[in-house]
Protein backbone atom coordinates (compact mmCIF):
# COMPACT_ATOMS: atom_id res chain seq x y z
CA LEU A 1 113.55 57.71 26.71
CA LEU A 2 116.13 60.21 27.81
CA ARG A 3 116.98 63.20 25.64
CA ALA A 4 119.80 65.51 26.66
CA SER A 5 121.79 68.37 25.14
CA PHE A 6 124.77 70.43 26.24
CA THR A 7 126.01 72.88 23.62
CA TYR A 8 127.53 76.33 23.38
CA ILE A 9 129.36 78.34 20.74
CA LEU A 10 133.09 78.21 21.39
CA ARG A 11 134.61 81.61 20.74
CA GLY A 12 138.24 82.40 20.02
CA GLU A 13 141.04 79.89 19.71
CA GLY A 14 139.50 77.30 22.03
CA GLY A 15 142.62 76.63 24.16
CA PHE A 16 142.64 73.21 25.81
CA ARG A 17 139.12 72.48 24.52
CA LEU A 18 140.53 72.03 21.01
CA ASP A 19 143.87 70.50 22.03
CA ARG A 20 143.86 66.79 21.19
CA ALA A 21 146.88 66.11 23.45
CA LEU A 22 144.95 67.52 26.42
CA GLY A 23 141.79 65.49 25.76
CA GLY A 24 140.03 68.26 23.87
CA GLY A 25 136.71 68.02 22.09
CA SER A 26 133.10 68.68 22.90
CA LEU A 27 132.44 65.12 24.02
CA PHE A 28 134.89 65.35 26.93
CA ASP A 29 134.06 68.99 27.70
CA VAL A 30 130.25 68.91 27.75
CA GLY A 31 129.10 65.58 26.28
CA CYS A 32 130.17 63.80 29.45
CA TYR A 33 127.19 65.33 31.31
CA PRO A 34 124.44 63.89 29.09
CA ILE A 35 126.24 60.52 29.00
CA SER A 36 126.59 60.41 32.78
CA SER A 37 122.94 61.40 33.18
CA ALA A 38 121.77 58.62 30.86
CA ARG A 39 123.79 56.05 32.79
CA TYR A 40 122.47 57.41 36.09
CA TYR A 41 118.79 57.52 35.16
CA PHE A 42 118.74 54.11 33.46
CA LYS A 43 120.72 52.69 36.41
CA ASP A 44 122.65 50.63 33.88
CA GLU A 45 125.43 50.75 31.33
CA PRO A 46 124.65 51.13 27.63
CA ILE A 47 124.64 48.06 25.37
CA SER A 48 125.65 49.95 22.24
CA ILE A 49 126.33 53.48 21.06
CA TYR A 50 125.98 55.11 17.66
CA ALA A 51 127.51 58.56 17.23
CA ARG A 52 127.89 60.99 14.36
CA GLY A 53 129.45 64.40 14.40
CA GLU A 54 131.88 66.90 13.08
CA LEU A 55 135.63 67.14 13.65
CA HIS A 56 137.59 70.38 13.77
CA PRO A 57 139.30 70.69 10.37
CA GLU A 58 142.73 71.48 11.82
CA GLN A 59 142.75 70.12 15.38
CA GLY A 60 140.99 66.81 14.67
CA VAL A 61 138.87 66.91 17.85
CA ASP A 62 135.10 66.62 17.81
CA ILE A 63 133.24 69.93 17.77
CA SER A 64 129.74 68.46 17.59
CA VAL A 65 128.39 65.01 18.42
CA GLY A 66 124.95 63.42 18.25
CA ALA A 67 124.58 59.95 19.76
CA VAL A 68 122.07 57.21 20.45
CA MET A 69 122.82 55.06 23.48
CA GLU A 70 120.89 51.80 23.64
CA PHE A 71 120.10 50.46 27.14
CA ARG A 72 118.28 47.28 28.16
CA ASN A 73 115.26 49.30 29.24
CA GLY A 74 115.34 52.32 26.95
CA ARG A 75 117.24 54.68 24.75
CA ALA A 76 119.12 57.96 25.21
CA LEU A 77 119.37 60.61 22.48
CA LEU A 78 122.25 62.96 23.19
CA ASP A 79 123.97 65.87 21.57
CA CYS A 80 126.83 68.13 22.54
CA GLY A 81 129.04 70.60 20.81
CA PHE A 82 130.80 73.90 20.34
CA THR A 83 128.83 75.03 17.26
CA LEU A 84 125.24 75.46 18.50
CA PRO A 85 123.74 78.05 20.86
CA TYR A 86 123.83 77.50 24.61
CA ARG A 87 121.60 74.58 25.66
CA THR A 88 121.73 72.45 28.79
CA ASP A 89 118.48 70.57 28.88
CA LEU A 90 117.45 67.09 29.91
CA GLU A 91 114.14 65.33 29.36
CA LEU A 92 113.02 61.97 30.75
CA VAL A 93 109.95 60.43 29.13
CA GLY A 94 108.14 57.35 30.37
CA ASP A 95 104.73 55.77 30.06
CA LYS A 96 103.34 57.95 32.88
CA GLY A 97 104.64 61.30 31.64
CA ARG A 98 107.78 63.39 31.43
CA ILE A 99 110.26 65.26 33.59
CA TYR A 100 112.03 68.19 31.98
CA PHE A 101 115.04 70.10 33.31
CA PRO A 102 115.52 73.26 31.21
CA ARG A 103 118.98 74.00 32.70
CA ALA A 104 120.16 70.61 33.90
CA TRP A 105 123.87 71.23 34.40
CA GLN A 106 124.19 74.95 34.88
CA PRO A 107 121.07 76.05 36.72
CA HIS A 108 120.48 79.60 37.88
CA GLU A 109 120.44 80.24 41.61
CA GLU A 110 116.78 79.23 41.45
CA ALA A 111 116.20 76.24 39.22
CA SER A 112 113.00 74.71 37.92
CA LEU A 113 111.98 71.36 36.63
CA PHE A 114 108.72 70.26 35.11
CA PHE A 115 106.57 67.19 35.80
CA ASN A 116 104.52 67.07 32.61
CA ASP A 117 103.33 70.70 32.47
CA ASP A 118 103.60 71.45 36.19
CA GLU A 119 106.61 73.54 37.18
CA LEU A 120 108.44 72.78 40.40
CA ARG A 121 110.78 75.50 41.65
CA LEU A 122 113.83 74.22 43.47
CA PRO A 123 115.47 76.11 46.34
CA PRO A 124 118.66 78.06 45.59
CA SER A 125 121.75 75.86 45.55
CA ASN A 126 125.26 75.91 44.13
CA HIS A 127 125.99 72.50 42.58
CA TYR A 128 129.77 72.95 42.95
CA VAL A 129 129.37 73.60 46.69
CA GLU A 130 127.05 70.57 46.94
CA MET A 131 129.67 68.32 45.28
CA PHE A 132 132.46 69.65 47.51
CA GLU A 133 130.38 69.14 50.65
CA HIS A 134 129.42 65.60 49.61
CA PHE A 135 133.06 64.70 48.98
CA SER A 136 134.23 66.35 52.22
CA LEU A 137 131.59 64.54 54.28
CA ALA A 138 132.55 61.19 52.69
CA VAL A 139 136.21 61.76 53.56
CA LEU A 140 135.52 62.95 57.11
CA SER A 141 133.03 60.19 57.91
CA ASP A 142 134.78 57.46 55.88
CA SER A 143 131.54 56.86 53.98
CA LYS A 144 130.90 56.01 50.35
CA LEU A 145 130.61 58.54 47.58
CA LEU A 146 127.42 58.65 45.56
CA LEU A 147 129.54 58.11 42.41
CA ASP A 148 132.78 56.20 43.03
CA GLY A 149 135.85 55.10 41.07
CA ARG A 150 133.94 52.26 39.41
CA ASP A 151 131.44 54.78 38.07
CA ALA A 152 134.33 56.83 36.66
CA LEU A 153 135.66 53.77 34.83
CA HIS A 154 132.21 53.01 33.35
CA GLN A 155 131.87 56.66 32.35
CA MET A 156 135.22 56.62 30.53
CA LYS A 157 134.25 53.40 28.77
CA ALA A 158 131.02 54.99 27.51
CA LEU A 159 132.97 58.06 26.35
CA ASP A 160 135.58 55.89 24.63
CA VAL A 161 132.93 53.83 22.82
CA THR A 162 131.17 57.04 21.74
CA HIS A 163 134.48 58.29 20.32
CA ARG A 164 135.02 54.95 18.57
CA SER A 165 131.57 55.12 16.98
CA LEU A 166 132.11 58.72 15.93
CA ARG A 167 135.28 57.74 14.09
CA SER A 168 133.99 54.42 12.66
CA GLY A 169 130.54 55.67 11.69
CA LYS A 170 129.07 52.40 13.00
CA VAL A 171 127.05 51.19 15.96
CA GLU A 172 129.65 50.08 18.50
CA PRO A 173 129.07 47.55 21.30
CA VAL A 174 129.97 48.61 24.82
């Protein structure tokens, strides 16, 4: 089981985050992280997705989404949105225990994760710098990226199916 959340309260007018023409909505803004994590940790693509949520009354974009992604070897429970307090946590649960990341996508300079109840402190790191360095090294050495164009296409498919389920109110096949 994977459980992941990325939420924050959107203040003000929302700008591009609420602009449908610019791909607005909480799913594309912050829901993409839990979805990508589920695909990464299950090392597979989902079989089906069921999503429910709330649309902005004027803009028509999603402002909160809860979803269940069914995989061959497990299930992911995800939520994202602009209407709940700040949360960026990820939990992996298996038959031997759990791994919990309290700040999975926006860690402090020093991050922690937990194996069951044991805390492991990670060395300081800037995840944006790490991504830039990985990309730069791949370009300079003509090597493969950890996540390539095919991964991006699979990610967009999972996002699209989640959107479809949100609008249909039904379990949608991937």
